[in-house]
Amino acid sequence: MSIVYIIRGHQVLVPMQETFLRLFNGLGASYERRFKQTSDPLDIVEAISLKQRAIQGTPDGHADLPQLLKNLGECIVLTLSELDNPRRTVEAGLSYFKAEATSRIGPPRIRLEAAVYWSRLLLKFRPLSSDVLRLRYDHSADISDDRS
């Protein structure tokens, strides 16, 4: 196989991959909206699954990754009201919000929103966690615009 064909194939597949990742995230958002209307737990499970697939296929350092993490974190938090034992869901939400809030890429506004969600979850479900103080005092300076 010629290197030319491999290069052409790569040029065709890479944009398709991004398109599929955006489709996964968009479809996940649609399932999330439907869940808000119908309260069907299968919808929120599908929404989380699709959003996770979008994140798994997004390379580290990609500009869309913080927004995808925030979207998934919000979706996971939405499920808390539907679960009898929300511990695992809280842990997952904390993980995604922390990853997004501490990311070095993406818009500062998105990272700040993630830090707010992260702190609210910590205060509600882990008020004695050392992360609460660390988040409040250390991380607030890290969310600045990294243009300096």
C-alpha atoms as a PDB file:
ATOM      1  CA  MET A   1       0.000   0.000   0.000  1.00  0.00           C
ATOM      2  CA  SER A   2       1.358   3.367  -0.970  1.00  0.00           C
ATOM      3  CA  ILE A   3       2.025   6.030   1.639  1.00  0.00           C
ATOM      4  CA  VAL A   4      -0.096   8.403  -0.454  1.00  0.00           C
ATOM      5  CA  TYR A   5      -3.192   6.257   0.172  1.00  0.00           C
ATOM      6  CA  ILE A   6      -2.459   6.103   3.890  1.00  0.00           C
ATOM      7  CA  ILE A   7      -2.108   9.896   4.060  1.00  0.00           C
ATOM      8  CA  ARG A   8      -5.331  10.402   2.090  1.00  0.00           C
ATOM      9  CA  GLY A   9      -7.161   7.936   4.295  1.00  0.00           C
ATOM     10  CA  HIS A  10      -5.943   9.765   7.394  1.00  0.00           C
ATOM     11  CA  GLN A  11      -7.031  13.113   5.928  1.00  0.00           C
ATOM     12  CA  VAL A  12     -10.527  11.718   5.353  1.00  0.00           C
ATOM     13  CA  LEU A  13     -10.903   9.825   8.648  1.00  0.00           C
ATOM     14  CA  VAL A  14      -9.684  12.471  11.105  1.00  0.00           C
ATOM     15  CA  PRO A  15     -12.438  15.003  10.258  1.00  0.00           C
ATOM     16  CA  MET A  16     -14.972  12.153  10.286  1.00  0.00           C
ATOM     17  CA  GLN A  17     -13.827  11.165  13.770  1.00  0.00           C
ATOM     18  CA  GLU A  18     -14.423  14.715  15.051  1.00  0.00           C
ATOM     19  CA  THR A  19     -17.830  14.714  13.400  1.00  0.00           C
ATOM     20  CA  PHE A  20     -18.748  11.448  15.123  1.00  0.00           C
ATOM     21  CA  LEU A  21     -17.551  12.762  18.487  1.00  0.00           C
ATOM     22  CA  ARG A  22     -19.698  15.873  18.080  1.00  0.00           C
ATOM     23  CA  LEU A  23     -22.628  13.674  17.070  1.00  0.00           C
ATOM     24  CA  PHE A  24     -22.177  11.528  20.192  1.00  0.00           C
ATOM     25  CA  ASN A  25     -22.158  14.620  22.393  1.00  0.00           C
ATOM     26  CA  GLY A  26     -25.142  16.185  20.596  1.00  0.00           C
ATOM     27  CA  LEU A  27     -27.158  12.992  20.731  1.00  0.00           C
ATOM     28  CA  GLY A  28     -26.286  12.678  24.416  1.00  0.00           C
ATOM     29  CA  ALA A  29     -27.614  16.204  24.964  1.00  0.00           C
ATOM     30  CA  SER A  30     -30.846  15.228  23.202  1.00  0.00           C
ATOM     31  CA  TYR A  31     -31.300  12.215  25.478  1.00  0.00           C
ATOM     32  CA  GLU A  32     -30.584  14.445  28.477  1.00  0.00           C
ATOM     33  CA  ARG A  33     -33.287  16.941  27.398  1.00  0.00           C
ATOM     34  CA  ARG A  34     -35.745  14.110  26.887  1.00  0.00           C
ATOM     35  CA  PHE A  35     -34.922  12.757  30.345  1.00  0.00           C
ATOM     36  CA  LYS A  36     -35.766  16.175  31.823  1.00  0.00           C
ATOM     37  CA  GLN A  37     -39.176  15.951  30.164  1.00  0.00           C
ATOM     38  CA  THR A  38     -40.037  12.286  30.708  1.00  0.00           C
ATOM     39  CA  SER A  39     -37.889  11.202  33.722  1.00  0.00           C
ATOM     40  CA  ASP A  40     -37.184   7.931  31.908  1.00  0.00           C
ATOM     41  CA  PRO A  41     -33.958   6.630  33.507  1.00  0.00           C
ATOM     42  CA  LEU A  42     -32.966   4.856  30.283  1.00  0.00           C
ATOM     43  CA  ASP A  43     -32.640   8.261  28.614  1.00  0.00           C
ATOM     44  CA  ILE A  44     -30.141   9.572  31.152  1.00  0.00           C
ATOM     45  CA  VAL A  45     -28.157   6.322  31.014  1.00  0.00           C
ATOM     46  CA  GLU A  46     -27.939   6.666  27.222  1.00  0.00           C
ATOM     47  CA  ALA A  47     -27.019  10.361  27.529  1.00  0.00           C
ATOM     48  CA  ILE A  48     -24.144   9.564  29.895  1.00  0.00           C
ATOM     49  CA  SER A  49     -22.941   6.707  27.702  1.00  0.00           C
ATOM     50  CA  LEU A  50     -22.863   8.845  24.562  1.00  0.00           C
ATOM     51  CA  LYS A  51     -21.125  11.729  26.301  1.00  0.00           C
ATOM     52  CA  GLN A  52     -18.521   9.330  27.716  1.00  0.00           C
ATOM     53  CA  ARG A  53     -17.865   8.009  24.199  1.00  0.00           C
ATOM     54  CA  ALA A  54     -17.323  11.560  22.990  1.00  0.00           C
ATOM     55  CA  ILE A  55     -14.788  12.170  25.771  1.00  0.00           C
ATOM     56  CA  GLN A  56     -12.995   8.855  25.256  1.00  0.00           C
ATOM     57  CA  GLY A  57     -12.460   9.666  21.589  1.00  0.00           C
ATOM     58  CA  THR A  58     -11.261  13.217  22.217  1.00  0.00           C
ATOM     59  CA  PRO A  59      -7.477  13.512  22.427  1.00  0.00           C
ATOM     60  CA  ASP A  60      -5.861  15.018  25.537  1.00  0.00           C
ATOM     61  CA  GLY A  61      -5.242  18.702  25.042  1.00  0.00           C
ATOM     62  CA  HIS A  62      -8.117  19.123  22.571  1.00  0.00           C
ATOM     63  CA  ALA A  63      -9.848  22.498  22.944  1.00  0.00           C
ATOM     64  CA  ASP A  64     -13.323  20.886  23.217  1.00  0.00           C
ATOM     65  CA  LEU A  65     -12.384  18.536  26.069  1.00  0.00           C
ATOM     66  CA  PRO A  66     -13.195  20.898  28.985  1.00  0.00           C
ATOM     67  CA  GLN A  67     -16.678  21.598  27.588  1.00  0.00           C
ATOM     68  CA  LEU A  68     -17.289  17.874  27.037  1.00  0.00           C
ATOM     69  CA  LEU A  69     -16.218  17.112  30.608  1.00  0.00           C
ATOM     70  CA  LYS A  70     -18.506  19.844  31.940  1.00  0.00           C
ATOM     71  CA  ASN A  71     -21.431  18.521  29.885  1.00  0.00           C
ATOM     72  CA  LEU A  72     -20.904  15.015  31.207  1.00  0.00           C
ATOM     73  CA  GLY A  73     -20.501  16.227  34.793  1.00  0.00           C
ATOM     74  CA  GLU A  74     -23.785  18.135  34.575  1.00  0.00           C
ATOM     75  CA  CYS A  75     -25.509  15.087  33.118  1.00  0.00           C
ATOM     76  CA  ILE A  76     -24.215  12.870  35.919  1.00  0.00           C
ATOM     77  CA  VAL A  77     -25.351  15.314  38.590  1.00  0.00           C
ATOM     78  CA  LEU A  78     -28.801  15.313  36.997  1.00  0.00           C
ATOM     79  CA  THR A  79     -29.105  11.593  37.756  1.00  0.00           C
ATOM     80  CA  LEU A  80     -28.669  12.136  41.510  1.00  0.00           C
ATOM     81  CA  SER A  81     -32.361  12.779  41.988  1.00  0.00           C
ATOM     82  CA  GLU A  82     -33.205   9.448  40.341  1.00  0.00           C
ATOM     83  CA  LEU A  83     -30.947   7.165  42.350  1.00  0.00           C
ATOM     84  CA  ASP A  84     -31.504   5.519  45.699  1.00  0.00           C
ATOM     85  CA  ASN A  85     -27.751   5.357  46.324  1.00  0.00           C
ATOM     86  CA  PRO A  86     -26.073   8.300  44.601  1.00  0.00           C
ATOM     87  CA  ARG A  87     -22.535   7.665  45.949  1.00  0.00           C
ATOM     88  CA  ARG A  88     -21.107   6.293  42.692  1.00  0.00           C
ATOM     89  CA  THR A  89     -22.757   9.052  40.686  1.00  0.00           C
ATOM     90  CA  VAL A  90     -21.388  11.711  43.029  1.00  0.00           C
ATOM     91  CA  GLU A  91     -17.884  10.263  42.690  1.00  0.00           C
ATOM     92  CA  ALA A  92     -18.134  10.300  38.895  1.00  0.00           C
ATOM     93  CA  GLY A  93     -19.474  13.867  38.867  1.00  0.00           C
ATOM     94  CA  LEU A  94     -16.696  15.033  41.182  1.00  0.00           C
ATOM     95  CA  SER A  95     -14.112  13.349  38.981  1.00  0.00           C
ATOM     96  CA  TYR A  96     -15.301  14.999  35.756  1.00  0.00           C
ATOM     97  CA  PHE A  97     -15.743  18.450  37.290  1.00  0.00           C
ATOM     98  CA  LYS A  98     -12.313  18.257  38.927  1.00  0.00           C
ATOM     99  CA  ALA A  99     -10.686  17.180  35.647  1.00  0.00           C
ATOM    100  CA  GLU A 100     -12.277  20.071  33.821  1.00  0.00           C
ATOM    101  CA  ALA A 101     -11.677  22.688  36.530  1.00  0.00           C
ATOM    102  CA  THR A 102      -7.984  21.791  36.788  1.00  0.00           C
ATOM    103  CA  SER A 103      -7.448  21.534  33.035  1.00  0.00           C
ATOM    104  CA  ARG A 104      -4.854  23.843  31.495  1.00  0.00           C
ATOM    105  CA  ILE A 105      -6.805  24.103  28.245  1.00  0.00           C
ATOM    106  CA  GLY A 106     -10.151  25.547  27.325  1.00  0.00           C
ATOM    107  CA  PRO A 107     -11.883  28.816  28.108  1.00  0.00           C
ATOM    108  CA  PRO A 108     -11.473  30.165  31.659  1.00  0.00           C
ATOM    109  CA  ARG A 109     -15.266  30.600  31.906  1.00  0.00           C
ATOM    110  CA  ILE A 110     -15.823  26.868  31.370  1.00  0.00           C
ATOM    111  CA  ARG A 111     -13.132  25.970  33.892  1.00  0.00           C
ATOM    112  CA  LEU A 112     -14.655  28.379  36.417  1.00  0.00           C
ATOM    113  CA  GLU A 113     -18.137  26.886  35.922  1.00  0.00           C
ATOM    114  CA  ALA A 114     -16.672  23.430  36.520  1.00  0.00           C
ATOM    115  CA  ALA A 115     -14.964  24.644  39.695  1.00  0.00           C
ATOM    116  CA  VAL A 116     -18.295  26.012  40.937  1.00  0.00           C
ATOM    117  CA  TYR A 117     -20.066  22.690  40.258  1.00  0.00           C
ATOM    118  CA  TRP A 118     -17.162  20.823  41.838  1.00  0.00           C
ATOM    119  CA  SER A 119     -17.275  22.947  44.993  1.00  0.00           C
ATOM    120  CA  ARG A 120     -21.072  22.642  45.287  1.00  0.00           C
ATOM    121  CA  LEU A 121     -20.897  18.858  45.062  1.00  0.00           C
ATOM    122  CA  LEU A 122     -18.057  18.753  47.575  1.00  0.00           C
ATOM    123  CA  LEU A 123     -19.908  20.980  50.026  1.00  0.00           C
ATOM    124  CA  LYS A 124     -23.103  18.964  49.707  1.00  0.00           C
ATOM    125  CA  PHE A 125     -21.690  15.427  49.783  1.00  0.00           C
ATOM    126  CA  ARG A 126     -18.205  15.816  51.326  1.00  0.00           C
ATOM    127  CA  PRO A 127     -18.203  18.967  53.455  1.00  0.00           C
ATOM    128  CA  LEU A 128     -15.203  17.812  55.496  1.00  0.00           C
ATOM    129  CA  SER A 129     -13.055  16.924  52.481  1.00  0.00           C
ATOM    130  CA  SER A 130      -9.651  18.550  52.238  1.00  0.00           C
ATOM    131  CA  ASP A 131     -10.515  19.246  48.588  1.00  0.00           C
ATOM    132  CA  VAL A 132     -13.070  21.823  49.755  1.00  0.00           C
ATOM    133  CA  LEU A 133     -10.434  24.075  51.290  1.00  0.00           C
ATOM    134  CA  ARG A 134      -7.928  23.402  48.549  1.00  0.00           C
ATOM    135  CA  LEU A 135     -10.475  24.256  45.892  1.00  0.00           C
ATOM    136  CA  ARG A 136     -11.602  27.427  47.626  1.00  0.00           C
ATOM    137  CA  TYR A 137      -8.146  28.865  48.259  1.00  0.00           C
ATOM    138  CA  ASP A 138      -5.640  27.341  45.860  1.00  0.00           C
ATOM    139  CA  HIS A 139      -7.559  26.714  42.690  1.00  0.00           C
ATOM    140  CA  SER A 140      -9.273  30.077  42.381  1.00  0.00           C
ATOM    141  CA  ALA A 141      -5.966  31.614  41.289  1.00  0.00           C
ATOM    142  CA  ASP A 142      -5.357  28.831  38.757  1.00  0.00           C
ATOM    143  CA  ILE A 143      -8.515  29.635  36.770  1.00  0.00           C
ATOM    144  CA  SER A 144      -7.080  32.849  35.443  1.00  0.00           C
ATOM    145  CA  ASP A 145      -6.651  33.359  31.717  1.00  0.00           C
ATOM    146  CA  ASP A 146      -3.268  31.784  30.868  1.00  0.00           C
ATOM    147  CA  ARG A 147      -2.246  34.480  28.367  1.00  0.00           C
ATOM    148  CA  SER A 148       0.490  35.916  30.560  1.00  0.00           C
END
